Amino acid sequence: MSNENSYELAKWVSTRVYSVDLETRAVISNELDREFLELESNAAILWQAILNNEYNFTPELISKNIKKPLTEVSKFIEKLESLNLIKKINDKYEKPSIQGEKRNFNSSDRYTGGNYNEPSPGGTNLEAEFKLMEWCVDKGFLYASSWEMTYRCNERCIHCFNPGASHVEGDKSFRKVKELTLDKIKETLDDLKKIGVFRLLITGGEIFLRKDFFEIIEYIRKLRFSFTIFTNGTLMSYEDIDRLKENFPQRVELTLYSHDPKIHDGITKLKGSWDKTLNTAKYIKQKGIHVILKTTVMSETINDIQKFETFVDSLNFEYSVDFNMSPGVDGSVYAVENLLPKASNLIFQCLNETSPLYVGKLNKPNKFDPKKDVGNPVCGAGRSLMNISAEGNISPCNSLPLEVGNLNEVKMSEVWKNSSIGKKEKKIDYDQNKSLNGENSEKLSSWQGVVRGVYDVCGDFERCSWCHKCPGMAYLETGSELKPSTTNCRNAAARMIAYDLLEEFKDNKNIVKNFDEKKIKEKYKREVALWDPKASISNNQDKDQRKIIQNRTKSTALDKLLEREGLL
């Protein structure tokens, strides 16, 4: 029974509490303003007591339950109320306008300290959250998970790395699978909470093709996960957006490939998709939900990237620019062979101070020394982040589909707790055989043993300092997570060359005046060798490991689809 002094935890709060080795920490995300908080020691214990009574508590009740002085508890509760994390049960609350600095970024900005920023940090205090993620790894917790809820999609994007998502209902696809049931999804969400997962990325395919989407989202909110959703926005009604608002996503990301509707619709192969996506984004923003527009740099869009930036800026949208492109999970290299921008175009965009790819305002990265970093993890995949596919396959990342189990046969917690990090083992050894052919936790443990320095040649070149060293990209290109990725190398080389030219000639006018392609090719022989991605990928492919990918994905309908669309 509530009284005038009764409080409840605000429904827009996402949170998780970690207790281990007599240490308690709490993580909180206020989804109204994207404020990230971390509590330790007594504050975390007080927060846990509030969570135990989240829908009706008083300072007196909390004080009694944890045997803390009432004055201390009352002061803590007053602070929480001032931060809009709790509210009196009968109080109405008007949502404030979204706070926080507008932040635009390219794909390289999403990599900090070797960890990919998806689906975790996206609010304030990024540095603090990365430190917490490291602590979670050290203590055996899993911090984040991405989840491909479906492969079905109403768009047919020409560069999609997931061919199974490149079809509409009725099309045949090698990845048209039996999706996890709602009951299995709820069961797994309960399980993810138990092992510490705080951040969720919900993606597809197109997630709004699942009829039970809102039942899933409402359960996610009930368990107080902080979640981001990826969608193309073409299937969302205004009613859907209103309902989504009541579940407080951390953010919603939509892909808009160009400022030009014809270019965008040509990429998605869905007439009218530009209008639908943009109108959806506008309404989402109007409703106060944090929204980001994304684009991918490809041959179709690179020369107009400044126009895209100007366009989304004029509408006051945050945006992201991704200049990475990978082969499909089935091994198809269509996108890499046909859609990668010319290396020269990449360089000129990196030189252009009006381009979002401009490197002139960046600090030159420290030279990458594989010897110094030999024991450091290559990324957060399989350490702070795991991925779940539409059919329930568990893997370190959606671009690193080394399946370590299936949710219809084993729980994520079982795989995780039996892996090296889940057991909190300090020494983890990489075993290529187990990584490729092992079972569940054994396979995951082997991947967790991959560190910088295990790579074949990574770190040997000047350009390596500019690279985010994604093993998933390497895996999709070569069949091996240990080989260098041609597209990663190529992007890093373009950025390095552009930076060197700016250092030498100071500005664009002088660069254009002194530009000598012959001299550049002579100076950067090893980089120029990467400019033919088709040949580079072919030379780097591990045929034995490529067979494993092909056997896993079986036959693909992608080529037939592309041919039918006139793209082959």
Protein backbone atom coordinates (compact mmCIF):
# COMPACT_ATOMS: atom_id res chain seq x y z
CA MET A 1 0.00 0.00 0.00
CA SER A 2 1.41 3.35 -0.98
CA ASN A 3 1.38 6.60 0.94
CA GLU A 4 2.36 10.16 0.09
CA ASN A 5 5.98 9.26 0.88
CA SER A 6 6.05 6.22 -1.43
CA TYR A 7 8.31 6.10 -4.46
CA GLU A 8 8.66 3.99 -7.57
CA LEU A 9 11.52 3.49 -9.98
CA ALA A 10 10.90 5.53 -13.12
CA LYS A 11 9.92 3.39 -16.09
CA TRP A 12 12.49 5.12 -18.34
CA VAL A 13 15.38 3.80 -16.23
CA SER A 14 17.51 0.92 -17.48
CA THR A 15 19.73 -0.72 -14.92
CA ARG A 16 21.74 -3.73 -13.83
CA VAL A 17 23.50 -4.61 -10.56
CA TYR A 18 26.67 -6.73 -10.42
CA SER A 19 27.77 -8.44 -7.19
CA VAL A 20 30.92 -10.55 -7.01
CA ASP A 21 33.86 -11.07 -4.66
CA LEU A 22 32.20 -8.91 -1.95
CA GLU A 23 32.05 -6.07 -4.49
CA THR A 24 28.82 -4.49 -5.74
CA ARG A 25 28.44 -2.17 -8.71
CA ALA A 26 25.36 -0.77 -10.39
CA VAL A 27 24.94 0.68 -13.86
CA ILE A 28 22.08 3.05 -14.68
CA SER A 29 20.96 4.65 -17.92
CA ASN A 30 18.33 7.38 -17.84
CA GLU A 31 16.85 6.92 -21.32
CA LEU A 32 15.21 10.36 -21.23
CA ASP A 33 18.52 12.19 -21.51
CA ARG A 34 20.93 9.32 -22.25
CA GLU A 35 22.72 9.93 -18.97
CA PHE A 36 24.96 7.03 -17.89
CA LEU A 37 25.73 6.51 -14.20
CA GLU A 38 27.75 4.00 -12.27
CA LEU A 39 27.36 3.36 -8.54
CA GLU A 40 29.78 1.52 -6.30
CA SER A 41 29.91 0.16 -2.74
CA ASN A 42 27.20 1.54 -0.42
CA ALA A 43 25.47 3.47 -3.19
CA ALA A 44 25.18 0.29 -5.28
CA ILE A 45 23.83 -1.66 -2.28
CA LEU A 46 21.23 1.06 -1.68
CA TRP A 47 20.26 0.95 -5.36
CA GLN A 48 19.84 -2.85 -5.19
CA ALA A 49 17.52 -2.46 -2.22
CA ILE A 50 15.41 -0.02 -4.25
CA LEU A 51 15.29 -2.47 -7.17
CA ASN A 52 14.01 -5.16 -4.80
CA ASN A 53 11.02 -2.90 -4.12
CA GLU A 54 10.99 -0.94 -7.39
CA TYR A 55 7.26 -0.31 -7.65
CA ASN A 56 6.60 0.83 -4.08
CA PHE A 57 9.16 1.82 -1.51
CA THR A 58 9.77 4.42 1.18
CA PRO A 59 13.00 5.64 2.78
CA GLU A 60 11.89 3.91 6.00
CA LEU A 61 11.41 0.56 4.24
CA ILE A 62 14.83 0.70 2.56
CA SER A 63 16.50 1.78 5.80
CA LYS A 64 14.93 -1.13 7.65
CA ASN A 65 15.72 -3.72 4.94
CA ILE A 66 19.44 -2.98 4.67
CA LYS A 67 19.98 -1.64 8.21
CA LYS A 68 21.31 1.74 7.09
CA PRO A 69 20.62 5.04 8.88
CA LEU A 70 17.42 6.71 7.69
CA THR A 71 19.24 10.02 7.15
CA GLU A 72 21.71 8.33 4.76
CA VAL A 73 18.93 6.57 2.84
CA SER A 74 16.77 9.71 2.64
CA LYS A 75 19.66 11.77 1.28
CA PHE A 76 20.33 9.10 -1.37
CA ILE A 77 16.66 8.97 -2.39
CA GLU A 78 16.51 12.78 -2.68
CA LYS A 79 19.47 12.65 -5.05
CA LEU A 80 17.84 9.95 -7.16
CA GLU A 81 14.65 12.00 -7.37
CA SER A 82 16.60 15.07 -8.52
CA LEU A 83 18.12 12.95 -11.31
CA ASN A 84 14.64 11.78 -12.43
CA LEU A 85 15.51 8.16 -11.67
CA ILE A 86 12.67 7.71 -9.18
CA LYS A 87 9.42 9.54 -8.62
CA LYS A 88 6.62 9.67 -6.07
CA ILE A 89 3.97 7.19 -7.05
CA ASN A 90 1.19 9.70 -7.50
CA ASP A 91 3.29 12.39 -9.18
CA LYS A 92 2.83 13.14 -12.85
CA TYR A 93 5.96 13.72 -14.79
CA GLU A 94 6.49 15.74 -17.93
CA LYS A 95 9.34 14.43 -20.06
CA PRO A 96 12.01 17.10 -20.65
CA SER A 97 13.51 17.75 -24.05
CA ILE A 98 16.42 15.47 -24.89
CA GLN A 99 19.64 16.81 -23.48
CA GLY A 100 23.20 16.13 -24.40
CA GLU A 101 25.49 17.36 -27.14
CA LYS A 102 24.69 16.39 -30.72
CA ARG A 103 27.26 13.86 -31.85
CA ASN A 104 27.99 12.85 -35.42
CA PHE A 105 30.56 10.19 -36.15
CA ASN A 106 32.07 7.87 -38.73
CA SER A 107 32.71 4.19 -38.22
CA SER A 108 36.22 4.66 -36.88
CA ASP A 109 34.84 6.75 -33.99
CA ARG A 110 32.93 3.75 -32.77
CA TYR A 111 36.12 1.93 -31.90
CA THR A 112 37.70 2.87 -28.61
CA GLY A 113 40.37 0.84 -26.85
CA GLY A 114 39.75 -2.10 -29.13
CA ASN A 115 36.04 -2.33 -28.37
CA TYR A 116 33.26 -1.69 -30.82
CA ASN A 117 30.71 0.76 -29.49
CA GLU A 118 27.70 -1.31 -30.50
CA PRO A 119 25.37 -2.07 -28.90
CA SER A 120 26.93 -0.43 -25.86
CA PRO A 121 27.95 3.13 -25.24
CA GLY A 122 25.85 5.74 -26.94
CA GLY A 123 25.04 8.20 -24.22
CA THR A 124 27.20 10.23 -21.88
CA ASN A 125 30.36 9.20 -20.04
CA LEU A 126 31.69 6.84 -22.72
CA GLU A 127 35.04 6.48 -20.97
CA ALA A 128 33.38 5.50 -17.69
CA GLU A 129 31.23 2.91 -19.42
CA PHE A 130 34.19 1.32 -21.18
CA LYS A 131 35.93 0.98 -17.83
CA LEU A 132 32.85 -0.72 -16.44
CA MET A 133 32.78 -3.07 -19.44
CA GLU A 134 36.39 -4.03 -18.73
CA TRP A 135 35.50 -4.67 -15.10
CA CYS A 136 32.58 -6.89 -16.19
CA VAL A 137 34.88 -8.92 -18.44
CA ASP A 138 37.38 -9.32 -15.60
CA LYS A 139 34.64 -10.52 -13.26
CA GLY A 140 33.09 -12.96 -15.73
CA PHE A 141 29.96 -10.99 -16.68
CA LEU A 142 28.63 -10.49 -20.21
CA TYR A 143 27.82 -6.80 -20.70
CA ALA A 144 26.05 -6.60 -24.06
CA SER A 145 24.36 -8.65 -26.75
CA SER A 146 23.21 -7.96 -30.28
CA TRP A 147 20.22 -9.93 -31.54
CA GLU A 148 19.14 -10.45 -35.15
CA MET A 149 15.46 -11.11 -34.48
CA THR A 150 14.66 -12.02 -38.09
CA TYR A 151 16.34 -12.32 -41.48
CA ARG A 152 13.18 -11.23 -43.28
CA CYS A 153 13.37 -7.83 -44.88
CA ASN A 154 11.21 -5.80 -47.23
CA GLU A 155 14.28 -4.05 -48.71
CA ARG A 156 16.88 -5.70 -50.95
CA CYS A 157 19.94 -3.56 -50.34
CA ILE A 158 22.55 -4.29 -52.98
CA HIS A 159 25.45 -4.35 -50.50
CA CYS A 160 23.81 -6.32 -47.67
CA PHE A 161 26.29 -8.68 -46.01
CA ASN A 162 23.42 -10.88 -44.82
CA PRO A 163 21.90 -12.36 -47.99
CA GLY A 164 19.13 -13.97 -46.02
CA ALA A 165 17.89 -10.50 -45.18
CA SER A 166 17.83 -9.52 -48.86
CA HIS A 167 14.47 -10.94 -49.76
CA VAL A 168 10.78 -10.28 -49.43
CA GLU A 169 8.11 -12.74 -48.42
CA GLY A 170 7.86 -15.42 -51.08
CA ASP A 171 11.51 -15.23 -52.12
CA LYS A 172 13.62 -18.28 -51.45
CA SER A 173 16.67 -17.72 -49.31
CA PHE A 174 19.28 -20.01 -47.87
CA ARG A 175 18.81 -18.26 -44.52
CA LYS A 176 15.07 -18.42 -44.40
CA VAL A 177 14.97 -20.18 -41.07
CA LYS A 178 12.63 -21.12 -38.27
CA GLU A 179 12.81 -18.08 -36.05
CA LEU A 180 12.93 -18.32 -32.28
CA THR A 181 9.52 -18.37 -30.64
CA LEU A 182 8.34 -15.60 -28.34
CA ASP A 183 8.57 -17.95 -25.36
CA LYS A 184 12.17 -18.87 -26.23
CA ILE A 185 13.06 -15.18 -26.64
CA LYS A 186 11.59 -14.32 -23.23
CA GLU A 187 13.36 -17.26 -21.64
CA THR A 188 16.65 -16.11 -23.19
CA LEU A 189 16.14 -12.51 -22.06
CA ASP A 190 15.72 -13.77 -18.50
CA ASP A 191 18.93 -15.74 -18.96
CA LEU A 192 20.85 -12.75 -20.38
CA LYS A 193 19.83 -10.66 -17.37
CA LYS A 194 21.24 -13.31 -15.02
CA ILE A 195 24.70 -13.17 -16.61
CA GLY A 196 24.86 -9.38 -16.51
CA VAL A 197 23.73 -8.19 -19.94
CA PHE A 198 22.79 -4.52 -19.76
CA ARG A 199 22.88 -3.26 -23.38
CA LEU A 200 20.90 -4.88 -26.19
CA LEU A 201 20.95 -4.16 -29.91
CA ILE A 202 17.77 -5.38 -31.60
CA THR A 203 18.19 -5.73 -35.35
CA GLY A 204 17.31 -7.89 -38.36
CA GLY A 205 16.48 -8.17 -41.30
CA GLU A 206 13.66 -5.77 -40.65
CA ILE A 207 12.47 -6.23 -37.09
CA PHE A 208 8.99 -4.84 -37.72
CA LEU A 209 8.22 -7.91 -39.83
CA ARG A 210 7.91 -9.82 -36.57
CA LYS A 211 4.27 -9.60 -35.51
CA ASP A 212 5.30 -10.10 -31.88
CA PHE A 213 7.83 -7.25 -31.97
CA PHE A 214 6.14 -5.14 -29.31
CA GLU A 215 5.62 -8.10 -27.02
CA ILE A 216 9.40 -8.60 -27.20
CA ILE A 217 10.19 -4.91 -26.64
CA GLU A 218 7.78 -4.63 -23.71
CA TYR A 219 9.42 -7.62 -22.07
CA ILE A 220 12.85 -6.04 -22.66
CA ARG A 221 11.63 -2.88 -20.93
CA LYS A 222 10.15 -4.91 -18.07
CA LEU A 223 13.60 -6.43 -17.43
CA ARG A 224 15.15 -2.95 -17.66
CA PHE A 225 17.62 -3.60 -20.45
CA SER A 226 18.97 -0.54 -22.23
CA PHE A 227 18.22 -1.22 -25.89
CA THR A 228 18.88 0.19 -29.33
CA ILE A 229 16.95 -0.82 -32.42
CA PHE A 230 18.04 -0.86 -36.06
CA THR A 231 15.23 -0.53 -38.58
CA ASN A 232 14.68 0.79 -42.08
CA GLY A 233 11.58 2.57 -40.80
CA THR A 234 9.42 1.77 -43.82
CA LEU A 235 6.95 -0.42 -41.92
CA MET A 236 6.44 1.73 -38.84
CA SER A 237 3.13 3.50 -38.39
CA TYR A 238 2.67 6.58 -36.21
CA GLU A 239 0.87 4.30 -33.74
CA ASP A 240 3.94 2.01 -33.68
CA ILE A 241 6.19 4.97 -32.88
CA ASP A 242 3.87 6.16 -30.11
CA ARG A 243 3.97 2.67 -28.61
CA LEU A 244 7.74 2.50 -29.00
CA LYS A 245 8.09 5.78 -27.12
CA GLU A 246 6.40 4.21 -24.10
CA ASN A 247 9.18 1.61 -23.97
CA PHE A 248 12.06 4.11 -23.92
CA PRO A 249 14.65 2.83 -26.40
CA GLN A 250 18.15 4.19 -25.85
CA ARG A 251 18.11 5.17 -29.51
CA VAL A 252 16.70 4.21 -32.89
CA GLU A 253 18.98 4.04 -35.93
CA LEU A 254 17.64 4.19 -39.48
CA THR A 255 19.56 3.92 -42.74
CA LEU A 256 19.26 6.70 -45.28
CA TYR A 257 21.78 6.06 -48.02
CA SER A 258 21.57 9.40 -49.77
CA HIS A 259 20.04 12.87 -49.84
CA ASP A 260 18.71 11.82 -53.26
CA PRO A 261 15.58 9.62 -53.19
CA LYS A 262 16.50 7.97 -56.51
CA ILE A 263 19.93 6.87 -55.25
CA HIS A 264 18.50 5.57 -51.97
CA ASP A 265 15.65 3.67 -53.62
CA GLY A 266 18.11 2.28 -56.17
CA ILE A 267 20.20 0.82 -53.35
CA THR A 268 17.27 -0.61 -51.39
CA LYS A 269 15.41 -1.78 -54.52
CA LEU A 270 12.22 -0.61 -52.82
CA LYS A 271 10.37 2.23 -54.53
CA GLY A 272 9.35 4.96 -52.13
CA SER A 273 11.62 3.73 -49.32
CA TRP A 274 13.44 7.09 -49.03
CA ASP A 275 10.20 8.96 -48.32
CA LYS A 276 9.01 6.34 -45.83
CA THR A 277 12.31 6.19 -43.95
CA LEU A 278 12.69 9.95 -43.71
CA ASN A 279 9.07 10.55 -42.63
CA THR A 280 9.46 7.88 -39.96
CA ALA A 281 12.70 9.46 -38.72
CA LYS A 282 11.02 12.89 -38.50
CA TYR A 283 8.13 11.55 -36.44
CA ILE A 284 10.45 9.56 -34.15
CA LYS A 285 12.44 12.74 -33.52
CA GLN A 286 9.23 14.72 -32.98
CA LYS A 287 8.20 12.27 -30.27
CA GLY A 288 11.46 12.89 -28.40
CA ILE A 289 13.12 9.56 -29.13
CA HIS A 290 16.85 9.74 -29.80
CA VAL A 291 17.26 8.95 -33.51
CA ILE A 292 20.32 8.61 -35.76
CA LEU A 293 20.40 8.47 -39.56
CA LYS A 294 23.10 6.21 -40.99
CA THR A 295 24.70 5.95 -44.39
CA THR A 296 27.26 3.65 -45.97
CA VAL A 297 29.96 5.02 -48.24
CA MET A 298 29.98 3.10 -51.51
CA SER A 299 30.65 3.85 -55.15
CA GLU A 300 27.03 5.01 -55.49
CA THR A 301 27.26 7.59 -52.74
CA ILE A 302 30.85 8.65 -52.04
CA ASN A 303 30.91 11.68 -54.33
CA ASP A 304 27.74 13.03 -52.75
CA ILE A 305 28.63 12.41 -49.13
CA GLN A 306 28.92 16.15 -48.40
CA LYS A 307 25.42 16.72 -49.81
CA PHE A 308 24.12 13.96 -47.52
CA GLU A 309 25.76 15.63 -44.53
CA THR A 310 24.37 19.06 -45.46
CA PHE A 311 20.89 17.56 -45.94
CA VAL A 312 20.66 15.74 -42.60
CA ASP A 313 22.25 18.70 -40.82
CA SER A 314 19.56 20.98 -42.24
CA LEU A 315 16.96 18.73 -40.60
CA ASN A 316 18.95 18.72 -37.33
CA PHE A 317 19.50 14.95 -37.31
CA GLU A 318 22.44 13.19 -35.79
CA TYR A 319 24.05 10.91 -38.35
CA SER A 320 26.75 8.30 -38.77
CA VAL A 321 28.90 7.49 -41.78
CA ASP A 322 30.24 3.97 -42.26
CA PHE A 323 32.96 3.44 -44.85
CA ASN A 324 33.34 -0.32 -44.31
CA MET A 325 31.95 -2.93 -46.66
CA SER A 326 32.34 -6.65 -46.27
CA PRO A 327 31.58 -9.83 -48.19
CA GLY A 328 28.36 -11.64 -47.32
CA VAL A 329 28.18 -14.25 -44.60
CA ASP A 330 27.83 -16.80 -47.42
CA GLY A 331 31.18 -15.77 -48.88
CA SER A 332 29.71 -13.63 -51.69
CA VAL A 333 32.10 -10.81 -52.63
CA TYR A 334 29.68 -8.99 -54.94
CA ALA A 335 29.59 -5.83 -52.79
CA VAL A 336 33.36 -5.69 -52.35
CA GLU A 337 34.04 -6.27 -56.03
CA ASN A 338 31.40 -3.91 -57.37
CA LEU A 339 30.46 -1.32 -54.78
CA LEU A 340 33.65 -0.30 -52.98
CA PRO A 341 34.60 3.26 -53.87
CA LYS A 342 37.79 3.77 -55.85
CA ALA A 343 40.80 4.18 -53.58
CA SER A 344 41.50 7.60 -55.12
CA ASN A 345 37.94 8.74 -54.25
CA LEU A 346 38.43 7.60 -50.66
CA ILE A 347 41.68 9.57 -50.42
CA PHE A 348 40.11 12.74 -51.81
CA GLN A 349 37.18 12.48 -49.39
CA CYS A 350 39.64 12.11 -46.52
CA LEU A 351 41.36 15.28 -47.83
CA ASN A 352 38.14 17.28 -48.18
CA GLU A 353 37.53 19.44 -45.13
CA THR A 354 33.80 19.59 -45.93
CA SER A 355 33.53 15.77 -45.95
CA PRO A 356 32.60 13.69 -42.88
CA LEU A 357 35.60 11.49 -43.77
CA TYR A 358 38.07 14.40 -43.46
CA VAL A 359 41.20 13.42 -41.48
CA GLY A 360 42.70 16.90 -41.11
CA LYS A 361 41.15 17.49 -37.67
CA LEU A 362 42.33 14.13 -36.33
CA ASN A 363 45.44 13.55 -34.27
CA LYS A 364 47.89 11.24 -35.98
CA PRO A 365 47.49 7.88 -34.26
CA ASN A 366 50.43 6.39 -32.42
CA LYS A 367 52.33 3.80 -34.41
CA PHE A 368 50.77 0.41 -33.84
CA ASP A 369 53.31 -1.93 -32.27
CA PRO A 370 52.10 -5.55 -32.30
CA LYS A 371 54.84 -6.51 -29.84
CA LYS A 372 53.51 -4.08 -27.22
CA ASP A 373 49.92 -5.13 -27.87
CA VAL A 374 50.65 -8.82 -28.26
CA GLY A 375 48.52 -9.80 -25.25
CA ASN A 376 45.61 -7.41 -25.81
CA PRO A 377 42.25 -8.64 -27.16
CA VAL A 378 41.50 -7.72 -30.75
CA CYS A 379 37.98 -6.48 -29.99
CA GLY A 380 35.07 -6.85 -27.59
CA ALA A 381 33.35 -9.66 -29.55
CA GLY A 382 33.07 -12.77 -27.40
CA ARG A 383 34.31 -10.82 -24.39
CA SER A 384 31.94 -7.97 -23.59
CA LEU A 385 29.56 -8.70 -26.48
CA MET A 386 27.83 -11.77 -27.94
CA ASN A 387 25.40 -12.12 -30.85
CA ILE A 388 22.23 -14.14 -31.32
CA SER A 389 20.93 -14.94 -34.81
CA ALA A 390 17.33 -15.30 -35.95
CA GLU A 391 17.44 -19.09 -35.65
CA GLY A 392 19.12 -18.93 -32.23
CA ASN A 393 22.77 -19.41 -33.14
CA ILE A 394 25.17 -17.90 -30.59
CA SER A 395 28.35 -16.27 -31.89
CA PRO A 396 30.85 -13.59 -30.79
CA CYS A 397 29.53 -11.07 -33.35
CA ASN A 398 27.12 -11.01 -36.31
CA SER A 399 30.07 -10.45 -38.67
CA LEU A 400 32.05 -13.22 -36.96
CA PRO A 401 29.64 -16.16 -37.19
CA LEU A 402 31.77 -18.74 -35.35
CA GLU A 403 28.72 -20.48 -33.91
CA VAL A 404 29.27 -21.70 -30.35
CA GLY A 405 25.81 -23.17 -29.75
CA ASN A 406 22.10 -22.79 -30.46
CA LEU A 407 19.50 -21.53 -28.00
CA ASN A 408 17.18 -24.40 -28.85
CA GLU A 409 19.82 -26.76 -27.44
CA VAL A 410 21.75 -24.78 -24.84
CA LYS A 411 21.36 -21.59 -22.78
CA MET A 412 23.62 -18.60 -23.35
CA SER A 413 24.51 -18.68 -19.63
CA GLU A 414 25.76 -22.27 -19.91
CA VAL A 415 27.99 -21.47 -22.88
CA TRP A 416 29.23 -18.28 -21.24
CA LYS A 417 29.91 -19.67 -17.75
CA ASN A 418 31.80 -22.63 -19.17
CA SER A 419 33.98 -20.43 -21.40
CA SER A 420 37.31 -19.07 -20.28
CA ILE A 421 36.09 -15.57 -19.43
CA GLY A 422 32.91 -16.86 -17.81
CA LYS A 423 35.12 -18.98 -15.54
CA LYS A 424 37.29 -15.89 -14.94
CA GLU A 425 40.42 -17.71 -16.06
CA LYS A 426 43.37 -15.40 -16.49
CA LYS A 427 45.19 -17.38 -19.17
CA ILE A 428 43.31 -18.18 -22.35
CA ASP A 429 44.98 -20.10 -25.16
CA TYR A 430 43.97 -19.97 -28.81
CA ASP A 431 43.52 -23.29 -30.54
CA GLN A 432 42.63 -22.96 -34.23
CA ASN A 433 41.20 -26.48 -34.31
CA LYS A 434 38.85 -25.84 -31.41
CA SER A 435 37.90 -22.41 -32.76
CA LEU A 436 36.70 -23.95 -36.00
CA ASN A 437 35.49 -27.36 -34.93
CA GLY A 438 35.09 -27.31 -31.15
CA GLU A 439 31.86 -27.54 -29.21
CA ASN A 440 30.02 -24.64 -27.61
CA SER A 441 32.09 -23.25 -24.70
CA GLU A 442 35.25 -24.92 -25.95
CA LYS A 443 34.87 -23.10 -29.24
CA LEU A 444 34.12 -19.77 -27.51
CA SER A 445 37.10 -20.16 -25.18
CA SER A 446 39.37 -20.62 -28.15
CA TRP A 447 38.11 -17.43 -29.78
CA GLN A 448 38.56 -15.56 -26.46
CA GLY A 449 42.21 -16.58 -26.68
CA VAL A 450 42.79 -14.62 -29.90
CA VAL A 451 44.92 -11.59 -29.11
CA ARG A 452 46.87 -9.03 -31.10
CA GLY A 453 50.07 -10.67 -32.14
CA VAL A 454 48.36 -13.92 -33.12
CA TYR A 455 47.50 -12.32 -36.47
CA ASP A 456 49.47 -13.40 -39.53
CA VAL A 457 50.88 -10.01 -40.53
CA CYS A 458 48.75 -7.31 -38.89
CA GLY A 459 50.84 -4.52 -37.44
CA ASP A 460 53.64 -4.69 -39.97
CA PHE A 461 52.71 -1.57 -41.93
CA GLU A 462 52.53 2.18 -41.35
CA ARG A 463 48.83 2.13 -42.20
CA CYS A 464 48.06 -0.23 -39.29
CA SER A 465 47.79 2.68 -36.88
CA TRP A 466 44.78 3.91 -38.88
CA CYS A 467 42.98 0.55 -38.83
CA HIS A 468 40.33 -0.68 -36.38
CA LYS A 469 41.49 -4.28 -36.97
CA CYS A 470 38.12 -6.01 -37.21
CA PRO A 471 38.49 -9.82 -37.14
CA GLY A 472 34.91 -10.20 -38.38
CA MET A 473 35.76 -8.41 -41.62
CA ALA A 474 38.82 -10.63 -41.97
CA TYR A 475 36.72 -13.75 -41.38
CA LEU A 476 34.12 -12.82 -43.97
CA GLU A 477 36.81 -12.01 -46.55
CA THR A 478 39.26 -14.82 -46.01
CA GLY A 479 37.62 -17.50 -43.91
CA SER A 480 40.06 -16.76 -41.10
CA GLU A 481 39.79 -14.31 -38.22
CA LEU A 482 43.59 -14.15 -38.16
CA LYS A 483 44.28 -12.83 -41.62
CA PRO A 484 44.28 -9.13 -42.46
CA SER A 485 41.14 -7.68 -44.00
CA THR A 486 41.76 -6.14 -47.42
CA THR A 487 38.96 -3.60 -47.02
CA ASN A 488 40.18 -2.61 -43.55
CA CYS A 489 43.72 -2.26 -44.92
CA ARG A 490 42.49 -0.28 -47.88
CA ASN A 491 40.49 2.18 -45.77
CA ALA A 492 43.40 2.59 -43.37
CA ALA A 493 45.80 3.23 -46.28
CA ALA A 494 43.52 5.91 -47.77
CA ARG A 495 43.30 7.72 -44.44
CA MET A 496 47.06 7.50 -43.87
CA ILE A 497 47.94 8.79 -47.36
CA ALA A 498 45.48 11.68 -47.03
CA TYR A 499 46.90 12.65 -43.64
CA ASP A 500 50.47 12.52 -44.98
CA LEU A 501 49.51 14.76 -47.92
CA LEU A 502 47.88 17.29 -45.58
CA GLU A 503 51.00 17.30 -43.43
CA GLU A 504 53.22 17.83 -46.46
CA PHE A 505 51.20 20.45 -48.34
CA LYS A 506 49.11 21.91 -45.48
CA ASP A 507 45.92 22.54 -47.46
CA ASN A 508 43.82 21.24 -50.34
CA LYS A 509 44.89 23.93 -52.81
CA ASN A 510 48.55 23.02 -52.43
CA ILE A 511 47.73 19.30 -52.60
CA VAL A 512 45.86 19.68 -55.87
CA LYS A 513 48.69 21.86 -57.25
CA ASN A 514 51.39 19.34 -56.28
CA PHE A 515 49.43 16.14 -56.73
CA ASP A 516 51.49 13.58 -58.63
CA GLU A 517 49.78 10.21 -58.80
CA LYS A 518 52.95 8.51 -60.14
CA LYS A 519 55.00 9.71 -57.15
CA ILE A 520 52.28 8.69 -54.72
CA LYS A 521 52.12 5.18 -56.16
CA GLU A 522 55.90 4.92 -55.96
CA LYS A 523 55.96 6.11 -52.34
CA TYR A 524 53.09 3.88 -51.22
CA LYS A 525 53.85 0.69 -53.15
CA ARG A 526 52.52 -1.63 -50.47
CA GLU A 527 49.30 0.39 -50.17
CA VAL A 528 48.67 0.59 -53.92
CA ALA A 529 48.85 -3.20 -54.03
CA LEU A 530 45.60 -3.24 -52.01
CA TRP A 531 43.66 -1.11 -54.45
CA ASP A 532 42.37 -4.13 -56.35
CA PRO A 533 40.19 -5.68 -53.63
CA LYS A 534 39.08 -8.61 -55.79
CA ALA A 535 42.65 -9.82 -56.31
CA SER A 536 43.66 -9.13 -52.71
CA ILE A 537 40.76 -11.03 -51.22
CA SER A 538 41.28 -13.93 -53.61
CA ASN A 539 44.97 -14.13 -52.69
CA ASN A 540 44.23 -14.03 -48.96
CA GLN A 541 41.43 -16.57 -48.83
CA ASP A 542 42.06 -19.68 -46.81
CA LYS A 543 40.41 -22.35 -48.95
CA ASP A 544 40.07 -24.91 -46.16
CA GLN A 545 38.39 -22.45 -43.84
CA ARG A 546 36.30 -21.00 -46.64
CA LYS A 547 34.81 -24.47 -47.09
CA ILE A 548 33.60 -24.34 -43.50
CA ILE A 549 31.69 -21.12 -44.24
CA GLN A 550 30.24 -22.55 -47.43
CA ASN A 551 29.18 -25.74 -45.70
CA ARG A 552 27.53 -23.73 -42.94
CA THR A 553 25.56 -21.49 -45.25
CA LYS A 554 24.96 -24.15 -47.94
CA SER A 555 23.65 -22.86 -51.23
CA THR A 556 22.69 -19.23 -51.57
CA ALA A 557 19.88 -17.58 -53.45
CA LEU A 558 21.71 -14.23 -53.47
CA ASP A 559 23.15 -14.52 -56.96
CA LYS A 560 19.75 -15.42 -58.38
CA LEU A 561 18.21 -12.48 -56.59
CA LEU A 562 20.84 -10.07 -57.88
CA GLU A 563 20.47 -11.44 -61.40
CA ARG A 564 16.70 -11.01 -61.25
CA GLU A 565 17.19 -7.42 -60.15
CA GLY A 566 19.56 -6.80 -63.04
CA LEU A 567 22.58 -6.37 -60.78
CA LEU A 568 24.64 -9.20 -62.22
